[in-house]
Amino acid sequence: MTVRLVFGRPLPGVVGETRRVVHVFEVPTGDSVPERLTAFCGTSFGHGELEHLDRIQGMPCVSCLRRTPTPDPELMTGCQEPEEQP
């Protein structure tokens, strides 16, 4: 199963500066926008509380990283470099 991920960091003032770490979220399915997004670490955010990031910028949430799904090895086989021919 393919999981699409997005990164977000709490906006200034939502949490203390030392807690403004980059969280990892699964992209919600469907067309509707959920009331709250819950990161892999379990922290939940409402509308207007997150800064969307196109990549991890700054300190990541270690709990999110630990719980983020790993890539499917079968999907990665097409990305491997070709083996050298003898």
C-alpha atoms as a PDB file:
ATOM      1  CA  MET A   1       0.000   0.000   0.000  1.00  0.00           C
ATOM      2  CA  THR A   2       1.338   3.427  -0.925  1.00  0.00           C
ATOM      3  CA  VAL A   3       1.349   6.102   1.758  1.00  0.00           C
ATOM      4  CA  ARG A   4       1.821   9.730   0.766  1.00  0.00           C
ATOM      5  CA  LEU A   5       3.533  11.895   3.358  1.00  0.00           C
ATOM      6  CA  VAL A   6       3.628  15.625   4.060  1.00  0.00           C
ATOM      7  CA  PHE A   7       5.751  17.628   6.462  1.00  0.00           C
ATOM      8  CA  GLY A   8       4.576  20.443   8.698  1.00  0.00           C
ATOM      9  CA  ARG A   9       5.877  22.591  11.526  1.00  0.00           C
ATOM     10  CA  PRO A  10       3.755  24.476  14.071  1.00  0.00           C
ATOM     11  CA  LEU A  11       3.535  28.174  13.291  1.00  0.00           C
ATOM     12  CA  PRO A  12       5.199  30.624  15.686  1.00  0.00           C
ATOM     13  CA  GLY A  13       3.009  31.141  18.747  1.00  0.00           C
ATOM     14  CA  VAL A  14       1.172  27.810  18.439  1.00  0.00           C
ATOM     15  CA  VAL A  15       3.789  26.078  20.598  1.00  0.00           C
ATOM     16  CA  GLY A  16       6.988  27.252  22.279  1.00  0.00           C
ATOM     17  CA  GLU A  17       9.956  27.820  19.986  1.00  0.00           C
ATOM     18  CA  THR A  18      11.777  24.698  21.202  1.00  0.00           C
ATOM     19  CA  ARG A  19       8.721  22.578  20.278  1.00  0.00           C
ATOM     20  CA  ARG A  20       8.531  23.867  16.680  1.00  0.00           C
ATOM     21  CA  VAL A  21       9.816  20.617  15.228  1.00  0.00           C
ATOM     22  CA  VAL A  22       8.947  19.162  11.822  1.00  0.00           C
ATOM     23  CA  HIS A  23       6.181  16.567  12.067  1.00  0.00           C
ATOM     24  CA  VAL A  24       5.312  13.901   9.483  1.00  0.00           C
ATOM     25  CA  PHE A  25       1.690  13.384   8.420  1.00  0.00           C
ATOM     26  CA  GLU A  26      -0.050  10.914   6.140  1.00  0.00           C
ATOM     27  CA  VAL A  27      -1.919  12.697   3.346  1.00  0.00           C
ATOM     28  CA  PRO A  28      -5.633  12.324   4.090  1.00  0.00           C
ATOM     29  CA  THR A  29      -7.643  10.347   1.541  1.00  0.00           C
ATOM     30  CA  GLY A  30     -10.730  11.810  -0.077  1.00  0.00           C
ATOM     31  CA  ASP A  31     -11.639  15.305  -1.180  1.00  0.00           C
ATOM     32  CA  SER A  32     -12.658  16.774   2.164  1.00  0.00           C
ATOM     33  CA  VAL A  33     -10.217  18.658   4.373  1.00  0.00           C
ATOM     34  CA  PRO A  34     -10.132  17.167   7.887  1.00  0.00           C
ATOM     35  CA  GLU A  35     -10.759  19.378  10.931  1.00  0.00           C
ATOM     36  CA  ARG A  36      -7.472  18.223  12.461  1.00  0.00           C
ATOM     37  CA  LEU A  37      -4.296  16.548  11.192  1.00  0.00           C
ATOM     38  CA  THR A  38      -2.583  14.048  13.444  1.00  0.00           C
ATOM     39  CA  ALA A  39       1.138  13.449  13.037  1.00  0.00           C
ATOM     40  CA  PHE A  40       2.670   9.984  13.311  1.00  0.00           C
ATOM     41  CA  CYS A  41       3.769  10.903  16.856  1.00  0.00           C
ATOM     42  CA  GLY A  42       0.127  11.473  17.860  1.00  0.00           C
ATOM     43  CA  THR A  43       0.242  15.282  18.087  1.00  0.00           C
ATOM     44  CA  SER A  44      -2.849  16.862  16.512  1.00  0.00           C
ATOM     45  CA  PHE A  45      -3.141  20.258  14.811  1.00  0.00           C
ATOM     46  CA  GLY A  46      -6.134  22.305  13.628  1.00  0.00           C
ATOM     47  CA  HIS A  47      -6.564  24.733  10.736  1.00  0.00           C
ATOM     48  CA  GLY A  48      -4.072  27.594  10.732  1.00  0.00           C
ATOM     49  CA  GLU A  49      -1.667  25.948  13.176  1.00  0.00           C
ATOM     50  CA  LEU A  50       0.831  24.436  10.704  1.00  0.00           C
ATOM     51  CA  GLU A  51       3.383  25.686   8.231  1.00  0.00           C
ATOM     52  CA  HIS A  52       3.470  23.301   5.243  1.00  0.00           C
ATOM     53  CA  LEU A  53       6.996  22.277   4.248  1.00  0.00           C
ATOM     54  CA  ASP A  54       8.080  20.656   0.988  1.00  0.00           C
ATOM     55  CA  ARG A  55      10.920  18.854   2.831  1.00  0.00           C
ATOM     56  CA  ILE A  56      12.265  18.533   6.357  1.00  0.00           C
ATOM     57  CA  GLN A  57      13.719  21.928   7.263  1.00  0.00           C
ATOM     58  CA  GLY A  58      15.045  22.219  10.784  1.00  0.00           C
ATOM     59  CA  MET A  59      14.768  19.839  13.705  1.00  0.00           C
ATOM     60  CA  PRO A  60      12.582  16.786  12.960  1.00  0.00           C
ATOM     61  CA  CYS A  61      10.210  15.197  15.454  1.00  0.00           C
ATOM     62  CA  VAL A  62      12.104  12.056  16.450  1.00  0.00           C
ATOM     63  CA  SER A  63       8.880  10.242  17.393  1.00  0.00           C
ATOM     64  CA  CYS A  64       7.412  10.941  13.929  1.00  0.00           C
ATOM     65  CA  LEU A  65      10.564   9.695  12.213  1.00  0.00           C
ATOM     66  CA  ARG A  66      10.532   6.523  14.282  1.00  0.00           C
ATOM     67  CA  ARG A  67       6.906   5.809  13.315  1.00  0.00           C
ATOM     68  CA  THR A  68       7.093   6.825   9.631  1.00  0.00           C
ATOM     69  CA  PRO A  69       6.513   3.837   7.310  1.00  0.00           C
ATOM     70  CA  THR A  70       9.576   2.625   5.441  1.00  0.00           C
ATOM     71  CA  PRO A  71       9.598   2.390   1.637  1.00  0.00           C
ATOM     72  CA  ASP A  72       8.317  -0.817   0.054  1.00  0.00           C
ATOM     73  CA  PRO A  73      11.395  -2.725  -1.205  1.00  0.00           C
ATOM     74  CA  GLU A  74       9.512  -3.846  -4.336  1.00  0.00           C
ATOM     75  CA  LEU A  75       8.819  -0.234  -5.290  1.00  0.00           C
ATOM     76  CA  MET A  76      12.469   0.656  -4.777  1.00  0.00           C
ATOM     77  CA  THR A  77      13.828  -2.051  -7.137  1.00  0.00           C
ATOM     78  CA  GLY A  78      13.362   0.206 -10.151  1.00  0.00           C
ATOM     79  CA  CYS A  79      15.465   2.887  -8.437  1.00  0.00           C
ATOM     80  CA  GLN A  80      18.567   0.739  -7.933  1.00  0.00           C
ATOM     81  CA  GLU A  81      21.669   1.346  -9.971  1.00  0.00           C
ATOM     82  CA  PRO A  82      22.401  -1.335 -12.599  1.00  0.00           C
ATOM     83  CA  GLU A  83      24.898  -4.014 -11.616  1.00  0.00           C
ATOM     84  CA  GLU A  84      28.264  -3.993 -13.353  1.00  0.00           C
ATOM     85  CA  GLN A  85      28.661  -6.533 -16.134  1.00  0.00           C
ATOM     86  CA  PRO A  86      31.828  -8.722 -15.951  1.00  0.00           C
END
